[in-house]
Amino acid sequence: YIGHGSGEVTVGFTTAPRSPLGESFQSQMMLNEDL
């Protein structure tokens, strides 16, 4: 039940490609929220 004296931490990342760094504008594909 995630108690008072406990520490629960989660970190996540996706390997899906991002737009190259350094460009003025970047785009990123993402999942349809309905899915």
PDB file of all heavy atoms in Angstrom:
ATOM      1  N   TYR A   1       0.828  -1.207   0.000  1.00  0.00           N
ATOM      2  CA  TYR A   1       0.000   0.000   0.000  1.00  0.00           C
ATOM      3  C   TYR A   1       0.863   1.259   0.000  1.00  0.00           C
ATOM      4  O   TYR A   1       0.359   2.376   0.180  1.00  0.00           O
ATOM      5  CB  TYR A   1      -0.965   0.007   1.191  1.00  0.00           C
ATOM      6  CG  TYR A   1      -0.312  -0.051   2.546  1.00  0.00           C
ATOM      7  CD1 TYR A   1       0.242   1.081   3.132  1.00  0.00           C
ATOM      8  CD2 TYR A   1      -0.256  -1.247   3.260  1.00  0.00           C
ATOM      9  CE1 TYR A   1       0.838   1.031   4.379  1.00  0.00           C
ATOM     10  CE2 TYR A   1       0.327  -1.302   4.515  1.00  0.00           C
ATOM     11  CZ  TYR A   1       0.871  -0.164   5.072  1.00  0.00           C
ATOM     12  OH  TYR A   1       1.459  -0.222   6.311  1.00  0.00           O
ATOM     13  N   ILE A   2       2.165   1.100  -0.206  1.00  0.00           N
ATOM     14  CA  ILE A   2       3.110   2.216  -0.310  1.00  0.00           C
ATOM     15  C   ILE A   2       3.079   3.039   0.990  1.00  0.00           C
ATOM     16  O   ILE A   2       2.444   4.086   1.079  1.00  0.00           O
ATOM     17  CB  ILE A   2       2.824   3.090  -1.544  1.00  0.00           C
ATOM     18  CG1 ILE A   2       2.836   2.216  -2.810  1.00  0.00           C
ATOM     19  CG2 ILE A   2       3.841   4.198  -1.669  1.00  0.00           C
ATOM     20  CD1 ILE A   2       2.486   2.955  -4.085  1.00  0.00           C
ATOM     21  N   GLY A   3       3.769   2.526   1.992  1.00  0.00           N
ATOM     22  CA  GLY A   3       3.705   3.074   3.331  1.00  0.00           C
ATOM     23  C   GLY A   3       4.489   4.350   3.553  1.00  0.00           C
ATOM     24  O   GLY A   3       5.273   4.791   2.703  1.00  0.00           O
ATOM     25  N   HIS A   4       4.286   4.928   4.727  1.00  0.00           N
ATOM     26  CA  HIS A   4       4.919   6.199   5.104  1.00  0.00           C
ATOM     27  C   HIS A   4       6.443   6.127   5.029  1.00  0.00           C
ATOM     28  O   HIS A   4       7.092   7.053   4.553  1.00  0.00           O
ATOM     29  CB  HIS A   4       4.488   6.582   6.523  1.00  0.00           C
ATOM     30  CG  HIS A   4       5.350   7.640   7.145  1.00  0.00           C
ATOM     31  ND1 HIS A   4       5.341   8.950   6.727  1.00  0.00           N
ATOM     32  CD2 HIS A   4       6.279   7.570   8.149  1.00  0.00           C
ATOM     33  CE1 HIS A   4       6.222   9.640   7.436  1.00  0.00           C
ATOM     34  NE2 HIS A   4       6.790   8.835   8.309  1.00  0.00           N
ATOM     35  N   GLY A   5       7.021   5.049   5.510  1.00  0.00           N
ATOM     36  CA  GLY A   5       8.471   4.950   5.586  1.00  0.00           C
ATOM     37  C   GLY A   5       9.107   4.269   4.396  1.00  0.00           C
ATOM     38  O   GLY A   5      10.242   3.793   4.481  1.00  0.00           O
ATOM     39  N   SER A   6       8.411   4.214   3.281  1.00  0.00           N
ATOM     40  CA  SER A   6       8.968   3.528   2.114  1.00  0.00           C
ATOM     41  C   SER A   6       9.249   4.519   0.991  1.00  0.00           C
ATOM     42  O   SER A   6       8.665   5.601   0.928  1.00  0.00           O
ATOM     43  CB  SER A   6       8.008   2.440   1.613  1.00  0.00           C
ATOM     44  OG  SER A   6       6.764   3.007   1.247  1.00  0.00           O
ATOM     45  N   GLY A   7      10.147   4.149   0.103  1.00  0.00           N
ATOM     46  CA  GLY A   7      10.474   4.995  -1.038  1.00  0.00           C
ATOM     47  C   GLY A   7      10.241   4.231  -2.325  1.00  0.00           C
ATOM     48  O   GLY A   7      10.914   3.235  -2.580  1.00  0.00           O
ATOM     49  N   GLU A   8       9.272   4.666  -3.100  1.00  0.00           N
ATOM     50  CA  GLU A   8       8.960   4.024  -4.376  1.00  0.00           C
ATOM     51  C   GLU A   8       9.195   5.024  -5.504  1.00  0.00           C
ATOM     52  O   GLU A   8       8.488   6.043  -5.599  1.00  0.00           O
ATOM     53  CB  GLU A   8       7.504   3.529  -4.417  1.00  0.00           C
ATOM     54  CG  GLU A   8       7.236   2.340  -3.531  1.00  0.00           C
ATOM     55  CD  GLU A   8       7.010   2.695  -2.080  1.00  0.00           C
ATOM     56  OE1 GLU A   8       6.829   3.894  -1.792  1.00  0.00           O
ATOM     57  OE2 GLU A   8       7.021   1.779  -1.232  1.00  0.00           O
ATOM     58  N   VAL A   9      10.189   4.742  -6.318  1.00  0.00           N
ATOM     59  CA  VAL A   9      10.585   5.661  -7.387  1.00  0.00           C
ATOM     60  C   VAL A   9      10.637   4.895  -8.696  1.00  0.00           C
ATOM     61  O   VAL A   9      11.176   3.780  -8.753  1.00  0.00           O
ATOM     62  CB  VAL A   9      11.966   6.284  -7.092  1.00  0.00           C
ATOM     63  CG1 VAL A   9      12.425   7.152  -8.253  1.00  0.00           C
ATOM     64  CG2 VAL A   9      11.925   7.087  -5.802  1.00  0.00           C
ATOM     65  N   THR A  10      10.080   5.482  -9.738  1.00  0.00           N
ATOM     66  CA  THR A  10      10.154   4.844 -11.051  1.00  0.00           C
ATOM     67  C   THR A  10      10.694   5.832 -12.075  1.00  0.00           C
ATOM     68  O   THR A  10      10.376   7.031 -12.038  1.00  0.00           O
ATOM     69  CB  THR A  10       8.769   4.314 -11.479  1.00  0.00           C
ATOM     70  OG1 THR A  10       8.870   3.700 -12.761  1.00  0.00           O
ATOM     71  CG2 THR A  10       7.748   5.426 -11.552  1.00  0.00           C
ATOM     72  N   VAL A  11      11.535   5.332 -12.958  1.00  0.00           N
ATOM     73  CA  VAL A  11      12.119   6.121 -14.041  1.00  0.00           C
ATOM     74  C   VAL A  11      11.877   5.359 -15.332  1.00  0.00           C
ATOM     75  O   VAL A  11      12.062   4.138 -15.378  1.00  0.00           O
ATOM     76  CB  VAL A  11      13.643   6.332 -13.838  1.00  0.00           C
ATOM     77  CG1 VAL A  11      14.223   7.152 -14.985  1.00  0.00           C
ATOM     78  CG2 VAL A  11      13.922   6.999 -12.502  1.00  0.00           C
ATOM     79  N   GLY A  12      11.446   6.059 -16.371  1.00  0.00           N
ATOM     80  CA  GLY A  12      11.183   5.389 -17.633  1.00  0.00           C
ATOM     81  C   GLY A  12      11.762   6.147 -18.806  1.00  0.00           C
ATOM     82  O   GLY A  12      11.953   7.366 -18.746  1.00  0.00           O
ATOM     83  N   PHE A  13      12.052   5.419 -19.875  1.00  0.00           N
ATOM     84  CA  PHE A  13      12.522   6.064 -21.105  1.00  0.00           C
ATOM     85  C   PHE A  13      12.037   5.268 -22.311  1.00  0.00           C
ATOM     86  O   PHE A  13      11.765   4.072 -22.215  1.00  0.00           O
ATOM     87  CB  PHE A  13      14.050   6.197 -21.130  1.00  0.00           C
ATOM     88  CG  PHE A  13      14.811   4.903 -21.104  1.00  0.00           C
ATOM     89  CD1 PHE A  13      15.152   4.238 -22.285  1.00  0.00           C
ATOM     90  CD2 PHE A  13      15.208   4.346 -19.899  1.00  0.00           C
ATOM     91  CE1 PHE A  13      15.872   3.047 -22.259  1.00  0.00           C
ATOM     92  CE2 PHE A  13      15.931   3.149 -19.857  1.00  0.00           C
ATOM     93  CZ  PHE A  13      16.255   2.501 -21.044  1.00  0.00           C
ATOM     94  N   THR A  14      11.904   5.950 -23.432  1.00  0.00           N
ATOM     95  CA  THR A  14      11.572   5.292 -24.681  1.00  0.00           C
ATOM     96  C   THR A  14      12.734   5.452 -25.646  1.00  0.00           C
ATOM     97  O   THR A  14      13.359   6.516 -25.712  1.00  0.00           O
ATOM     98  CB  THR A  14      10.284   5.847 -25.314  1.00  0.00           C
ATOM     99  OG1 THR A  14      10.097   5.253 -26.611  1.00  0.00           O
ATOM    100  CG2 THR A  14      10.319   7.358 -25.469  1.00  0.00           C
ATOM    101  N   THR A  15      13.019   4.399 -26.381  1.00  0.00           N
ATOM    102  CA  THR A  15      14.112   4.417 -27.346  1.00  0.00           C
ATOM    103  C   THR A  15      13.656   4.899 -28.714  1.00  0.00           C
ATOM    104  O   THR A  15      14.448   4.956 -29.650  1.00  0.00           O
ATOM    105  CB  THR A  15      14.727   3.011 -27.504  1.00  0.00           C
ATOM    106  OG1 THR A  15      13.736   2.126 -28.063  1.00  0.00           O
ATOM    107  CG2 THR A  15      15.187   2.477 -26.161  1.00  0.00           C
ATOM    108  N   ALA A  16      12.356   5.211 -28.843  1.00  0.00           N
ATOM    109  CA  ALA A  16      11.850   5.723 -30.120  1.00  0.00           C
ATOM    110  C   ALA A  16      12.620   6.982 -30.497  1.00  0.00           C
ATOM    111  O   ALA A  16      12.881   7.834 -29.642  1.00  0.00           O
ATOM    112  CB  ALA A  16      10.359   6.021 -30.010  1.00  0.00           C
ATOM    113  N   PRO A  17      13.005   7.132 -31.745  1.00  0.00           N
ATOM    114  CA  PRO A  17      13.877   8.249 -32.138  1.00  0.00           C
ATOM    115  C   PRO A  17      13.234   9.609 -31.957  1.00  0.00           C
ATOM    116  O   PRO A  17      12.031   9.777 -32.124  1.00  0.00           O
ATOM    117  CB  PRO A  17      14.163   7.963 -33.624  1.00  0.00           C
ATOM    118  CG  PRO A  17      13.025   7.096 -34.068  1.00  0.00           C
ATOM    119  CD  PRO A  17      12.657   6.261 -32.879  1.00  0.00           C
ATOM    120  N   ARG A  18      14.063  10.566 -31.584  1.00  0.00           N
ATOM    121  CA  ARG A  18      13.670  11.972 -31.503  1.00  0.00           C
ATOM    122  C   ARG A  18      14.260  12.711 -32.692  1.00  0.00           C
ATOM    123  O   ARG A  18      15.153  12.209 -33.378  1.00  0.00           O
ATOM    124  CB  ARG A  18      14.212  12.597 -30.216  1.00  0.00           C
ATOM    125  CG  ARG A  18      13.654  11.998 -28.943  1.00  0.00           C
ATOM    126  CD  ARG A  18      14.497  12.380 -27.734  1.00  0.00           C
ATOM    127  NE  ARG A  18      14.722  13.813 -27.625  1.00  0.00           N
ATOM    128  CZ  ARG A  18      13.934  14.642 -26.950  1.00  0.00           C
ATOM    129  NH1 ARG A  18      12.868  14.169 -26.341  1.00  0.00           N
ATOM    130  NH2 ARG A  18      14.205  15.924 -26.864  1.00  0.00           N
ATOM    131  N   SER A  19      13.795  13.904 -32.935  1.00  0.00           N
ATOM    132  CA  SER A  19      14.395  14.726 -33.981  1.00  0.00           C
ATOM    133  C   SER A  19      15.830  15.069 -33.594  1.00  0.00           C
ATOM    134  O   SER A  19      16.151  15.182 -32.411  1.00  0.00           O
ATOM    135  CB  SER A  19      13.591  16.010 -34.179  1.00  0.00           C
ATOM    136  OG  SER A  19      12.280  15.721 -34.619  1.00  0.00           O
ATOM    137  N   PRO A  20      16.721  15.250 -34.571  1.00  0.00           N
ATOM    138  CA  PRO A  20      18.119  15.570 -34.258  1.00  0.00           C
ATOM    139  C   PRO A  20      18.234  16.832 -33.417  1.00  0.00           C
ATOM    140  O   PRO A  20      17.490  17.797 -33.604  1.00  0.00           O
ATOM    141  CB  PRO A  20      18.742  15.773 -35.644  1.00  0.00           C
ATOM    142  CG  PRO A  20      17.860  15.014 -36.576  1.00  0.00           C
ATOM    143  CD  PRO A  20      16.481  15.124 -36.002  1.00  0.00           C
ATOM    144  N   LEU A  21      19.169  16.815 -32.471  1.00  0.00           N
ATOM    145  CA  LEU A  21      19.400  17.988 -31.641  1.00  0.00           C
ATOM    146  C   LEU A  21      19.986  19.114 -32.474  1.00  0.00           C
ATOM    147  O   LEU A  21      20.656  18.879 -33.474  1.00  0.00           O
ATOM    148  CB  LEU A  21      20.349  17.637 -30.493  1.00  0.00           C
ATOM    149  CG  LEU A  21      19.832  16.615 -29.474  1.00  0.00           C
ATOM    150  CD1 LEU A  21      20.904  16.341 -28.431  1.00  0.00           C
ATOM    151  CD2 LEU A  21      18.563  17.114 -28.796  1.00  0.00           C
ATOM    152  N   GLY A  22      19.757  20.332 -32.058  1.00  0.00           N
ATOM    153  CA  GLY A  22      20.331  21.475 -32.756  1.00  0.00           C
ATOM    154  C   GLY A  22      19.393  22.115 -33.753  1.00  0.00           C
ATOM    155  O   GLY A  22      19.642  23.228 -34.221  1.00  0.00           O
ATOM    156  N   GLU A  23      18.319  21.429 -34.106  1.00  0.00           N
ATOM    157  CA  GLU A  23      17.367  22.016 -35.039  1.00  0.00           C
ATOM    158  C   GLU A  23      16.459  23.002 -34.310  1.00  0.00           C
ATOM    159  O   GLU A  23      16.153  22.839 -33.134  1.00  0.00           O
ATOM    160  CB  GLU A  23      16.530  20.925 -35.704  1.00  0.00           C
ATOM    161  CG  GLU A  23      17.347  19.990 -36.587  1.00  0.00           C
ATOM    162  CD  GLU A  23      16.482  19.015 -37.359  1.00  0.00           C
ATOM    163  OE1 GLU A  23      15.245  19.077 -37.186  1.00  0.00           O
ATOM    164  OE2 GLU A  23      17.021  18.226 -38.135  1.00  0.00           O
ATOM    165  N   SER A  24      16.001  24.021 -35.034  1.00  0.00           N
ATOM    166  CA  SER A  24      15.156  25.046 -34.414  1.00  0.00           C
ATOM    167  C   SER A  24      13.813  24.489 -33.979  1.00  0.00           C
ATOM    168  O   SER A  24      13.259  24.903 -32.951  1.00  0.00           O
ATOM    169  CB  SER A  24      14.949  26.207 -35.392  1.00  0.00           C
ATOM    170  OG  SER A  24      16.180  26.821 -35.708  1.00  0.00           O
ATOM    171  N   PHE A  25      13.274  23.553 -34.747  1.00  0.00           N
ATOM    172  CA  PHE A  25      12.003  22.930 -34.405  1.00  0.00           C
ATOM    173  C   PHE A  25      12.177  21.418 -34.436  1.00  0.00           C
ATOM    174  O   PHE A  25      12.873  20.885 -35.305  1.00  0.00           O
ATOM    175  CB  PHE A  25      10.899  23.348 -35.390  1.00  0.00           C
ATOM    176  CG  PHE A  25      10.602  24.821 -35.354  1.00  0.00           C
ATOM    177  CD1 PHE A  25      11.237  25.695 -36.215  1.00  0.00           C
ATOM    178  CD2 PHE A  25       9.695  25.323 -34.428  1.00  0.00           C
ATOM    179  CE1 PHE A  25      10.979  27.056 -36.176  1.00  0.00           C
ATOM    180  CE2 PHE A  25       9.426  26.687 -34.381  1.00  0.00           C
ATOM    181  CZ  PHE A  25      10.071  27.553 -35.253  1.00  0.00           C
ATOM    182  N   GLN A  26      11.553  20.763 -33.464  1.00  0.00           N
ATOM    183  CA  GLN A  26      11.665  19.315 -33.367  1.00  0.00           C
ATOM    184  C   GLN A  26      10.274  18.698 -33.369  1.00  0.00           C
ATOM    185  O   GLN A  26       9.330  19.265 -32.831  1.00  0.00           O
ATOM    186  CB  GLN A  26      12.404  18.906 -32.092  1.00  0.00           C
ATOM    187  CG  GLN A  26      13.843  19.403 -32.059  1.00  0.00           C
ATOM    188  CD  GLN A  26      14.581  18.922 -30.823  1.00  0.00           C
ATOM    189  OE1 GLN A  26      13.968  18.472 -29.865  1.00  0.00           O
ATOM    190  NE2 GLN A  26      15.893  19.009 -30.851  1.00  0.00           N
ATOM    191  N   SER A  27      10.173  17.540 -33.994  1.00  0.00           N
ATOM    192  CA  SER A  27       8.910  16.805 -33.997  1.00  0.00           C
ATOM    193  C   SER A  27       9.138  15.426 -33.401  1.00  0.00           C
ATOM    194  O   SER A  27      10.256  14.912 -33.408  1.00  0.00           O
ATOM    195  CB  SER A  27       8.362  16.676 -35.423  1.00  0.00           C
ATOM    196  OG  SER A  27       9.273  15.954 -36.242  1.00  0.00           O
ATOM    197  N   GLN A  28       8.073  14.838 -32.885  1.00  0.00           N
ATOM    198  CA  GLN A  28       8.181  13.521 -32.258  1.00  0.00           C
ATOM    199  C   GLN A  28       6.882  12.758 -32.463  1.00  0.00           C
ATOM    200  O   GLN A  28       5.800  13.288 -32.191  1.00  0.00           O
ATOM    201  CB  GLN A  28       8.465  13.655 -30.757  1.00  0.00           C
ATOM    202  CG  GLN A  28       8.620  12.325 -30.043  1.00  0.00           C
ATOM    203  CD  GLN A  28       8.854  12.497 -28.557  1.00  0.00           C
ATOM    204  OE1 GLN A  28       8.647  13.565 -28.001  1.00  0.00           O
ATOM    205  NE2 GLN A  28       9.312  11.437 -27.897  1.00  0.00           N
ATOM    206  N   MET A  29       6.997  11.519 -32.936  1.00  0.00           N
ATOM    207  CA  MET A  29       5.819  10.691 -33.087  1.00  0.00           C
ATOM    208  C   MET A  29       5.405  10.173 -31.717  1.00  0.00           C
ATOM    209  O   MET A  29       6.248   9.865 -30.880  1.00  0.00           O
ATOM    210  CB  MET A  29       6.115   9.519 -34.030  1.00  0.00           C
ATOM    211  CG  MET A  29       4.883   8.685 -34.370  1.00  0.00           C
ATOM    212  SD  MET A  29       5.192   7.532 -35.724  1.00  0.00           S
ATOM    213  CE  MET A  29       6.400   6.433 -34.968  1.00  0.00           C
ATOM    214  N   MET A  30       4.090  10.094 -31.488  1.00  0.00           N
ATOM    215  CA  MET A  30       3.603   9.583 -30.208  1.00  0.00           C
ATOM    216  C   MET A  30       2.327   8.790 -30.424  1.00  0.00           C
ATOM    217  O   MET A  30       1.639   8.932 -31.436  1.00  0.00           O
ATOM    218  CB  MET A  30       3.367  10.728 -29.221  1.00  0.00           C
ATOM    219  CG  MET A  30       2.307  11.714 -29.638  1.00  0.00           C
ATOM    220  SD  MET A  30       2.191  13.121 -28.490  1.00  0.00           S
ATOM    221  CE  MET A  30       3.709  13.995 -28.908  1.00  0.00           C
ATOM    222  N   LEU A  31       2.036   7.944 -29.459  1.00  0.00           N
ATOM    223  CA  LEU A  31       0.893   7.046 -29.538  1.00  0.00           C
ATOM    224  C   LEU A  31      -0.419   7.811 -29.436  1.00  0.00           C
ATOM    225  O   LEU A  31      -0.533   8.790 -28.685  1.00  0.00           O
ATOM    226  CB  LEU A  31       0.972   6.013 -28.406  1.00  0.00           C
ATOM    227  CG  LEU A  31      -0.083   4.912 -28.361  1.00  0.00           C
ATOM    228  CD1 LEU A  31       0.065   3.985 -29.560  1.00  0.00           C
ATOM    229  CD2 LEU A  31       0.035   4.126 -27.062  1.00  0.00           C
ATOM    230  N   ASN A  32      -1.420   7.351 -30.177  1.00  0.00           N
ATOM    231  CA  ASN A  32      -2.775   7.887 -30.045  1.00  0.00           C
ATOM    232  C   ASN A  32      -3.258   7.641 -28.615  1.00  0.00           C
ATOM    233  O   ASN A  32      -3.185   6.526 -28.102  1.00  0.00           O
ATOM    234  CB  ASN A  32      -3.706   7.193 -31.050  1.00  0.00           C
ATOM    235  CG  ASN A  32      -5.097   7.784 -31.078  1.00  0.00           C
ATOM    236  OD1 ASN A  32      -5.679   8.103 -30.039  1.00  0.00           O
ATOM    237  ND2 ASN A  32      -5.661   7.906 -32.265  1.00  0.00           N
ATOM    238  N   GLU A  33      -3.768   8.682 -27.960  1.00  0.00           N
ATOM    239  CA  GLU A  33      -4.186   8.563 -26.567  1.00  0.00           C
ATOM    240  C   GLU A  33      -5.235   7.468 -26.354  1.00  0.00           C
ATOM    241  O   GLU A  33      -5.306   6.865 -25.284  1.00  0.00           O
ATOM    242  CB  GLU A  33      -4.758   9.898 -26.069  1.00  0.00           C
ATOM    243  CG  GLU A  33      -3.738  11.019 -25.969  1.00  0.00           C
ATOM    244  CD  GLU A  33      -2.813  10.878 -24.778  1.00  0.00           C
ATOM    245  OE1 GLU A  33      -3.217  10.285 -23.768  1.00  0.00           O
ATOM    246  OE2 GLU A  33      -1.674  11.377 -24.856  1.00  0.00           O
ATOM    247  N   ASP A  34      -6.038   7.195 -27.360  1.00  0.00           N
ATOM    248  CA  ASP A  34      -7.080   6.179 -27.220  1.00  0.00           C
ATOM    249  C   ASP A  34      -6.504   4.770 -27.077  1.00  0.00           C
ATOM    250  O   ASP A  34      -7.236   3.838 -26.718  1.00  0.00           O
ATOM    251  CB  ASP A  34      -8.035   6.216 -28.420  1.00  0.00           C
ATOM    252  CG  ASP A  34      -8.877   7.483 -28.458  1.00  0.00           C
ATOM    253  OD1 ASP A  34      -9.058   8.085 -27.388  1.00  0.00           O
ATOM    254  OD2 ASP A  34      -9.338   7.867 -29.551  1.00  0.00           O
ATOM    255  N   LEU A  35      -5.198   4.614 -27.349  1.00  0.00           N
ATOM    256  CA  LEU A  35      -4.558   3.298 -27.266  1.00  0.00           C
ATOM    257  C   LEU A  35      -3.664   3.160 -26.028  1.00  0.00           C
ATOM    258  O   LEU A  35      -2.934   2.178 -25.893  1.00  0.00           O
ATOM    259  CB  LEU A  35      -3.729   3.036 -28.526  1.00  0.00           C
ATOM    260  CG  LEU A  35      -4.501   3.040 -29.852  1.00  0.00           C
ATOM    261  CD1 LEU A  35      -3.546   2.857 -31.026  1.00  0.00           C
ATOM    262  CD2 LEU A  35      -5.564   1.946 -29.861  1.00  0.00           C
TER     263      LEU A  35
END
